[in-house]
Amino acid sequence: MTAKVIKGKEVAQELRAALKEEVAQLKTKGIVPGLTVILVGENPASQSYVKAKAKACEEIGVASEIIKRDVSITEEELLNEIHHLNGNPSVHGILIQLPLPKHIDEKAVLNAVSPKKDVDGFHPVSVGNMVIGDECYLPCTPHGIVELIKRSGEEISGKHAVVIGRSNIVGKPVSMLLLQESATVTIAHSRTKDLSALTKQADILVSAVGQPRLIKADDIKPGAIVIDVGNTMENGKLVGDVDYEAALEVAGYITPVPGGVGPMTITMLLKNTVDAAKTINNVK
């Protein structure tokens, strides 16, 4: 058996092409979807991420603004900035690039973003709505993961999904989204005993822990859908949580690293921004 590779880069390109057409249609109605990113400090990784988001916005016609603030900004000043953006009708999505300086309460800042413009899906109202299945902007990476699983063509309903990782950014929300797709979900983490016994039961295996080659071929159920969210630099090379080459011989479907989940994250951010522009302007 050789696994079918789920190429996130190709799926992302298809979705972006559709979004580009949607944005063009909105512009004929005088609506230009707008995303504003707040970047505090000079973190090189954060700067790189922000540039990638701005480039993606430009690609599909979304207006993007990057607000750069010095690391010395006070929490009050940052909250005032967000309050201003909440009231700006040309801004449909607000994203706070993390991490923030230690003197700023990250939770207070994220909570200050209006749920109507919370295109990252981090606000407690957004998270609560996601858990109960109400309409909200879904967190980008988990949303992208579910989209990739669907693109495999396999049914999620009734499958046993094992998610390794319990972070608020990936592990917990992707578990909730898979549950809503009627999968039976098991969440594993650093204190899980006999992890391999669990992963061998998984029809869908999602690993999001950042431990290179944690998942070996022997840990995978033959024919399983394997989604690798791992993203670790090792000897100058980006590697995932899964021993990819070995897993190819066992899994039914698998995402590569790089080129798997990564490209989907910004794409789902773009989708949320376009959806926010439609919602705020009452466009069906």
Protein backbone atom coordinates (compact mmCIF):
# COMPACT_ATOMS: atom_id res chain seq x y z
CA MET A 1 0.00 0.00 0.00
CA THR A 2 1.17 3.51 -0.79
CA ALA A 3 -0.77 6.34 0.80
CA LYS A 4 -2.46 9.00 -1.28
CA VAL A 5 -0.83 12.35 -0.45
CA ILE A 6 -3.29 15.09 0.51
CA LYS A 7 -1.54 18.13 -0.94
CA GLY A 8 -2.63 21.10 1.14
CA LYS A 9 -0.88 23.50 -1.19
CA GLU A 10 -3.05 22.40 -4.12
CA VAL A 11 -6.26 22.45 -2.07
CA ALA A 12 -5.38 25.92 -0.78
CA GLN A 13 -4.84 27.17 -4.35
CA GLU A 14 -8.28 25.85 -5.40
CA LEU A 15 -9.95 27.54 -2.43
CA ARG A 16 -8.11 30.81 -3.05
CA ALA A 17 -9.18 30.84 -6.69
CA ALA A 18 -12.81 30.55 -5.57
CA LEU A 19 -12.31 33.26 -2.94
CA LYS A 20 -10.75 35.56 -5.54
CA GLU A 21 -13.92 35.29 -7.64
CA GLU A 22 -16.05 35.92 -4.55
CA VAL A 23 -14.06 39.05 -3.69
CA ALA A 24 -14.43 40.31 -7.26
CA GLN A 25 -18.21 39.89 -6.97
CA LEU A 26 -18.26 41.78 -3.66
CA LYS A 27 -16.30 44.63 -5.22
CA THR A 28 -19.05 45.08 -7.84
CA LYS A 29 -21.30 45.85 -4.86
CA GLY A 30 -18.84 48.37 -3.45
CA ILE A 31 -17.56 46.00 -0.75
CA VAL A 32 -13.82 45.43 -0.33
CA PRO A 33 -13.05 42.81 2.35
CA GLY A 34 -10.46 44.21 4.73
CA LEU A 35 -8.09 42.48 7.15
CA THR A 36 -6.02 44.39 9.70
CA VAL A 37 -3.12 42.71 11.49
CA ILE A 38 -1.57 44.19 14.62
CA LEU A 39 2.12 43.35 15.03
CA VAL A 40 3.89 44.34 18.25
CA GLY A 41 7.67 44.24 18.38
CA GLU A 42 10.33 42.87 16.02
CA ASN A 43 9.92 39.09 16.35
CA PRO A 44 11.38 37.73 13.05
CA ALA A 45 8.99 34.77 12.87
CA SER A 46 5.99 37.03 13.50
CA GLN A 47 7.17 39.46 10.82
CA SER A 48 7.49 36.59 8.36
CA TYR A 49 3.97 35.32 9.15
CA VAL A 50 2.49 38.79 8.77
CA LYS A 51 4.17 39.31 5.38
CA ALA A 52 2.79 35.96 4.20
CA LYS A 53 -0.72 36.97 5.27
CA ALA A 54 -0.44 40.33 3.49
CA LYS A 55 0.79 38.62 0.31
CA ALA A 56 -2.12 36.16 0.42
CA CYS A 57 -4.60 39.03 0.84
CA GLU A 58 -3.14 40.81 -2.17
CA GLU A 59 -3.37 37.59 -4.20
CA ILE A 60 -7.17 37.38 -3.88
CA GLY A 61 -7.96 41.10 -3.70
CA VAL A 62 -8.53 41.53 0.04
CA ALA A 63 -7.39 44.90 1.43
CA SER A 64 -4.76 44.32 4.10
CA GLU A 65 -3.27 46.69 6.65
CA ILE A 66 -0.41 45.94 9.01
CA ILE A 67 -0.30 48.08 12.13
CA LYS A 68 3.19 47.88 13.59
CA ARG A 69 3.70 49.00 17.16
CA ASP A 70 6.83 49.21 19.27
CA VAL A 71 7.38 46.59 21.95
CA SER A 72 7.07 49.41 24.53
CA ILE A 73 3.34 49.94 23.76
CA THR A 74 1.17 49.74 26.85
CA GLU A 75 -1.73 47.34 27.20
CA GLU A 76 -4.13 50.28 27.42
CA GLU A 77 -2.80 51.76 24.17
CA LEU A 78 -3.15 48.40 22.42
CA LEU A 79 -6.71 47.95 23.69
CA ASN A 80 -7.59 51.44 22.44
CA GLU A 81 -6.18 50.52 19.02
CA ILE A 82 -8.42 47.44 18.91
CA HIS A 83 -11.46 49.44 20.06
CA HIS A 84 -10.89 51.84 17.15
CA LEU A 85 -10.68 48.95 14.66
CA ASN A 86 -13.84 47.36 16.07
CA GLY A 87 -15.70 50.52 15.09
CA ASN A 88 -14.09 50.96 11.67
CA PRO A 89 -16.60 49.78 9.01
CA SER A 90 -13.89 49.18 6.40
CA VAL A 91 -12.16 46.63 8.66
CA HIS A 92 -13.91 43.25 8.55
CA GLY A 93 -11.25 41.10 10.18
CA ILE A 94 -8.84 41.84 13.03
CA LEU A 95 -5.88 39.60 13.80
CA ILE A 96 -3.49 40.00 16.72
CA GLN A 97 -0.14 38.47 15.80
CA LEU A 98 1.11 36.41 18.74
CA PRO A 99 3.19 36.30 20.84
CA LEU A 100 2.75 39.66 22.56
CA PRO A 101 5.30 41.24 24.93
CA LYS A 102 5.23 39.82 28.45
CA HIS A 103 3.88 43.03 30.01
CA ILE A 104 0.66 42.74 27.98
CA ASP A 105 -2.17 40.39 29.00
CA GLU A 106 -2.65 38.28 25.87
CA LYS A 107 -6.08 37.08 26.97
CA ALA A 108 -7.35 40.62 27.58
CA VAL A 109 -6.17 41.68 24.12
CA LEU A 110 -7.73 38.74 22.28
CA ASN A 111 -10.97 39.22 24.22
CA ALA A 112 -11.08 42.88 23.13
CA VAL A 113 -11.54 41.94 19.47
CA SER A 114 -15.20 42.03 18.44
CA PRO A 115 -16.51 38.48 17.78
CA LYS A 116 -17.92 39.91 14.52
CA LYS A 117 -14.34 40.56 13.38
CA ASP A 118 -12.62 37.66 15.14
CA VAL A 119 -11.32 35.96 11.98
CA ASP A 120 -8.80 33.95 14.02
CA GLY A 121 -11.63 32.31 15.98
CA PHE A 122 -9.91 32.86 19.34
CA HIS A 123 -12.53 34.95 21.17
CA PRO A 124 -14.38 33.06 23.96
CA VAL A 125 -17.69 33.82 22.22
CA SER A 126 -16.35 32.28 19.00
CA VAL A 127 -15.02 29.25 20.87
CA GLY A 128 -18.30 28.81 22.74
CA ASN A 129 -20.31 29.01 19.53
CA MET A 130 -17.99 26.48 17.90
CA VAL A 131 -18.47 24.03 20.76
CA ILE A 132 -22.27 24.21 20.66
CA GLY A 133 -22.32 24.22 16.86
CA ASP A 134 -23.59 27.76 16.37
CA GLU A 135 -22.40 30.05 13.59
CA CYS A 136 -18.96 31.57 14.17
CA TYR A 137 -15.58 32.04 12.53
CA LEU A 138 -13.76 28.76 12.98
CA PRO A 139 -10.09 28.72 14.07
CA CYS A 140 -8.05 28.59 10.89
CA THR A 141 -5.75 25.59 11.33
CA PRO A 142 -8.45 23.22 12.71
CA HIS A 143 -10.86 24.35 9.97
CA GLY A 144 -8.17 23.67 7.37
CA ILE A 145 -7.52 20.22 8.82
CA VAL A 146 -11.18 19.20 8.56
CA GLU A 147 -11.31 20.54 5.01
CA LEU A 148 -8.27 18.41 4.06
CA ILE A 149 -9.85 15.30 5.58
CA LYS A 150 -13.02 15.94 3.56
CA ARG A 151 -10.93 16.37 0.41
CA SER A 152 -9.67 12.79 0.84
CA GLY A 153 -13.17 11.74 -0.18
CA GLU A 154 -13.51 9.55 2.90
CA GLU A 155 -16.52 9.83 5.21
CA ILE A 156 -15.76 11.30 8.64
CA SER A 157 -19.03 10.20 10.24
CA GLY A 158 -18.62 7.08 12.35
CA LYS A 159 -14.84 7.05 12.12
CA HIS A 160 -12.62 6.86 15.21
CA ALA A 161 -10.47 10.00 15.26
CA VAL A 162 -7.48 10.23 17.57
CA VAL A 163 -6.10 13.75 18.12
CA ILE A 164 -2.66 14.02 19.72
CA GLY A 165 -2.36 17.40 21.42
CA ARG A 166 -4.72 19.46 23.55
CA SER A 167 -3.74 23.04 22.76
CA ASN A 168 -6.38 25.75 22.51
CA ILE A 169 -5.13 26.59 19.01
CA VAL A 170 -5.26 23.13 17.38
CA GLY A 171 -5.90 20.08 19.58
CA LYS A 172 -9.08 21.08 21.39
CA PRO A 173 -10.84 22.87 18.51
CA VAL A 174 -10.07 20.20 15.88
CA SER A 175 -11.45 17.60 18.30
CA MET A 176 -14.69 19.60 18.59
CA LEU A 177 -14.97 20.02 14.82
CA LEU A 178 -14.45 16.30 14.20
CA LEU A 179 -17.06 15.52 16.85
CA GLN A 180 -19.50 17.77 15.00
CA GLU A 181 -18.78 15.73 11.86
CA SER A 182 -19.98 12.70 13.88
CA ALA A 183 -16.57 11.11 14.42
CA THR A 184 -15.85 9.33 17.70
CA VAL A 185 -13.01 11.40 19.13
CA THR A 186 -10.20 10.47 21.52
CA ILE A 187 -7.83 13.21 22.69
CA ALA A 188 -4.32 12.07 23.62
CA HIS A 189 -1.59 14.20 25.21
CA SER A 190 1.72 14.15 27.08
CA ARG A 191 0.31 12.10 29.97
CA THR A 192 -1.50 9.55 27.86
CA LYS A 193 -0.34 6.01 28.65
CA ASP A 194 0.44 3.62 25.79
CA LEU A 195 -0.10 6.17 23.03
CA SER A 196 0.66 3.63 20.33
CA ALA A 197 -2.24 1.41 21.42
CA LEU A 198 -4.57 4.36 20.81
CA THR A 199 -3.10 5.51 17.51
CA LYS A 200 -3.37 1.98 16.09
CA GLN A 201 -7.16 2.25 16.54
CA ALA A 202 -7.43 5.55 14.68
CA ASP A 203 -9.24 5.72 11.35
CA ILE A 204 -8.27 9.40 11.41
CA LEU A 205 -5.05 10.40 13.16
CA VAL A 206 -4.24 14.08 13.77
CA SER A 207 -0.90 14.85 15.43
CA ALA A 208 -0.20 18.37 16.65
CA VAL A 209 2.56 18.22 19.24
CA GLY A 210 5.78 19.29 17.50
CA GLN A 211 7.83 16.16 18.24
CA PRO A 212 9.68 15.08 15.09
CA ARG A 213 8.87 11.54 13.96
CA LEU A 214 6.85 10.79 17.09
CA ILE A 215 4.49 8.64 15.02
CA LYS A 216 6.15 5.60 13.46
CA ALA A 217 4.71 3.35 10.78
CA ASP A 218 3.90 0.73 13.42
CA ASP A 219 1.74 3.27 15.28
CA ILE A 220 -0.62 3.72 12.31
CA LYS A 221 -3.69 1.65 11.47
CA PRO A 222 -3.43 0.40 7.88
CA GLY A 223 -5.46 2.64 5.59
CA ALA A 224 -5.85 5.46 8.13
CA ILE A 225 -6.09 9.16 7.25
CA VAL A 226 -2.99 10.78 8.81
CA ILE A 227 -2.92 14.56 9.27
CA ASP A 228 0.47 15.87 10.38
CA VAL A 229 0.32 19.32 12.01
CA GLY A 230 3.89 19.09 13.32
CA ASN A 231 6.21 21.86 12.23
CA THR A 232 9.74 21.56 13.61
CA MET A 233 13.11 22.63 12.20
CA GLU A 234 15.61 19.79 12.33
CA ASN A 235 19.06 20.17 10.79
CA GLY A 236 17.79 23.04 8.68
CA LYS A 237 14.83 21.04 7.40
CA LEU A 238 11.13 21.33 8.27
CA VAL A 239 9.78 18.04 9.61
CA GLY A 240 6.49 16.84 11.06
CA ASP A 241 5.34 14.59 13.90
CA VAL A 242 5.04 11.60 11.55
CA ASP A 243 7.83 9.46 10.12
CA TYR A 244 6.56 10.39 6.67
CA GLU A 245 8.45 8.02 4.35
CA ALA A 246 7.67 4.98 6.49
CA ALA A 247 4.05 6.06 7.04
CA LEU A 248 3.50 6.24 3.27
CA GLU A 249 3.60 2.43 3.21
CA VAL A 250 0.86 2.04 5.83
CA ALA A 251 -1.54 4.99 5.76
CA GLY A 252 -4.39 5.36 3.28
CA TYR A 253 -4.02 9.15 3.09
CA ILE A 254 -1.36 11.45 4.52
CA THR A 255 -0.39 15.12 4.54
CA PRO A 256 3.25 16.07 3.89
CA VAL A 257 5.36 18.56 5.85
CA PRO A 258 5.81 21.12 4.40
CA GLY A 259 2.96 21.54 1.93
CA GLY A 260 0.19 19.91 3.93
CA VAL A 261 -1.68 21.67 6.72
CA GLY A 262 0.43 24.85 6.60
CA PRO A 263 -0.95 26.39 3.39
CA MET A 264 -4.51 25.83 4.62
CA THR A 265 -4.17 28.05 7.70
CA ILE A 266 -3.82 31.37 5.87
CA THR A 267 -6.39 30.25 3.30
CA MET A 268 -9.02 29.70 5.98
CA LEU A 269 -8.10 33.11 7.44
CA LEU A 270 -8.88 34.62 4.04
CA LYS A 271 -12.18 32.73 3.93
CA ASN A 272 -13.14 34.03 7.38
CA THR A 273 -12.30 37.59 6.32
CA VAL A 274 -14.42 37.35 3.16
CA ASP A 275 -17.28 35.79 5.16
CA ALA A 276 -16.99 38.58 7.75
CA ALA A 277 -17.25 41.23 5.01
CA LYS A 278 -20.40 39.53 3.73
CA THR A 279 -21.94 39.23 7.19
CA ILE A 280 -21.18 42.80 8.26
CA ASN A 281 -22.62 44.11 4.98
CA ASN A 282 -25.65 41.75 5.07
CA VAL A 283 -24.69 40.00 1.83
CA LYS A 284 -25.97 36.44 1.44
